[in-house]
Every structure is written in C-alpha cells, then in structure tokens.
Amino acid sequence: MDPAELNHRERAILGAVAAGRGELLAGCEPGLAVDGGWCDRVAVTRLILGGWICAARPARVGDLVPAQLTDAARDAFAAARTLTA
C-alpha cells in the first residue's frame, strides 16, 4: 500500500504507533490500543496486512505488546518526504 492510499484515521494510528503509544493484542484477530483505547479494527487490519505495523517482540495469545512501524513503513515515509521536499 502506498502512503498516498492511507486515510486520515490510518495516518493518525501510524503517528501514534511511531510515537510509542500503541500496543498490539496478540491473537488471530488483530487489536491495537492507543493510550488505552481500542482503535478501529478495519483500519488496524489494513495496516497490519499492508505491512505498516507489527509487534515489537514475540508474544503469546492474549498478551499486549508494544506496536512499532515496520522497516518498510519507515522507508515508505522517508521516500515520500524526499519526494515532496
């Protein structure tokens, strides 16, 4: 997914994750909490399946673990900033 395809909600979620405010719930159904509140499941699923966010470390089902941007996400944003600068 190209950064231009992200909606405002997805961009806000990515910003929160980049700031270290997101926690992923490990399990078959993705869940992401930002500042203790649960995020839109559709947006979170798109970001995980699109390769934008992942767990910072392995976890057992039911564990909350810090979320982080993937290397691909960081690279995509760096490239987008370079193209618009």
Protein backbone atom coordinates (compact mmCIF):
# COMPACT_ATOMS: atom_id res chain seq x y z
CA MET A 1 0.00 0.00 0.00
CA ASP A 2 1.33 3.40 -0.99
CA PRO A 3 1.35 6.16 1.69
CA ALA A 4 -0.98 8.19 -0.56
CA GLU A 5 -3.62 5.44 -0.16
CA LEU A 6 -3.77 5.82 3.64
CA ASN A 7 -6.78 7.61 5.06
CA HIS A 8 -6.65 10.15 7.91
CA ARG A 9 -7.54 7.56 10.55
CA GLU A 10 -4.77 5.21 9.39
CA ARG A 11 -2.26 8.06 9.35
CA ALA A 12 -3.26 9.03 12.90
CA ILE A 13 -2.81 5.43 14.06
CA LEU A 14 0.62 5.27 12.42
CA GLY A 15 1.60 8.53 14.10
CA ALA A 16 0.59 7.17 17.50
CA VAL A 17 2.49 3.93 16.89
CA ALA A 18 5.56 5.88 15.75
CA ALA A 19 5.35 7.89 18.98
CA GLY A 20 5.36 4.68 21.04
CA ARG A 21 1.73 4.97 22.17
CA GLY A 22 0.35 1.76 20.59
CA GLU A 23 0.00 -1.78 21.94
CA LEU A 24 -0.98 -4.78 19.84
CA LEU A 25 -3.12 -7.58 21.23
CA ALA A 26 -1.57 -10.88 20.14
CA GLY A 27 -4.02 -13.31 18.61
CA CYS A 28 -5.77 -14.38 15.44
CA GLU A 29 -7.82 -11.15 15.29
CA PRO A 30 -5.67 -8.01 15.36
CA GLY A 31 -6.31 -5.44 18.04
CA LEU A 32 -4.48 -2.19 18.70
CA ALA A 33 -4.86 0.09 21.70
CA VAL A 34 -3.56 3.65 21.66
CA ASP A 35 -3.35 5.36 25.03
CA GLY A 36 -5.54 2.56 26.42
CA GLY A 37 -8.38 2.97 23.90
CA TRP A 38 -9.09 0.43 21.16
CA CYS A 39 -8.62 1.51 17.54
CA ASP A 40 -10.85 0.84 14.53
CA ARG A 41 -10.42 -2.87 13.69
CA VAL A 42 -10.74 -2.34 9.94
CA ALA A 43 -8.01 0.31 9.92
CA VAL A 44 -5.75 -1.80 12.13
CA THR A 45 -6.25 -4.87 9.96
CA ARG A 46 -5.39 -2.86 6.83
CA LEU A 47 -2.23 -1.52 8.47
CA ILE A 48 -1.07 -4.93 9.68
CA LEU A 49 -1.86 -6.76 6.44
CA GLY A 50 -0.41 -3.86 4.45
CA GLY A 51 2.89 -4.25 6.28
CA TRP A 52 2.78 -0.91 8.11
CA ILE A 53 2.76 -2.02 11.77
CA CYS A 54 3.88 -5.08 13.70
CA ALA A 55 4.58 -6.25 17.23
CA ALA A 56 7.87 -5.06 18.68
CA ARG A 57 8.54 -8.54 20.09
CA PRO A 58 7.05 -12.04 20.01
CA ALA A 59 4.07 -12.60 22.30
CA ARG A 60 1.65 -15.25 23.49
CA VAL A 61 -2.01 -15.13 22.53
CA GLY A 62 -3.76 -12.55 24.69
CA ASP A 63 -0.64 -10.54 25.51
CA LEU A 64 -0.43 -6.80 24.85
CA VAL A 65 2.91 -5.90 23.30
CA PRO A 66 4.32 -2.61 22.06
CA ALA A 67 3.49 -1.87 18.43
CA GLN A 68 6.03 -0.46 16.03
CA LEU A 69 6.27 0.71 12.45
CA THR A 70 7.79 -1.85 10.12
CA ASP A 71 11.03 -1.09 8.30
CA ALA A 72 9.01 -0.91 5.08
CA ALA A 73 6.70 1.71 6.62
CA ARG A 74 9.62 3.84 7.79
CA ASP A 75 11.21 3.55 4.33
CA ALA A 76 7.94 4.49 2.60
CA PHE A 77 7.52 7.61 4.73
CA ALA A 78 11.16 8.58 4.26
CA ALA A 79 10.78 8.23 0.48
CA ALA A 80 7.54 10.22 0.50
CA ARG A 81 9.21 13.04 2.45
CA THR A 82 12.12 13.02 -0.01
CA LEU A 83 9.76 13.24 -2.99
CA THR A 84 7.77 16.14 -1.52
CA ALA A 85 10.75 18.09 -0.16
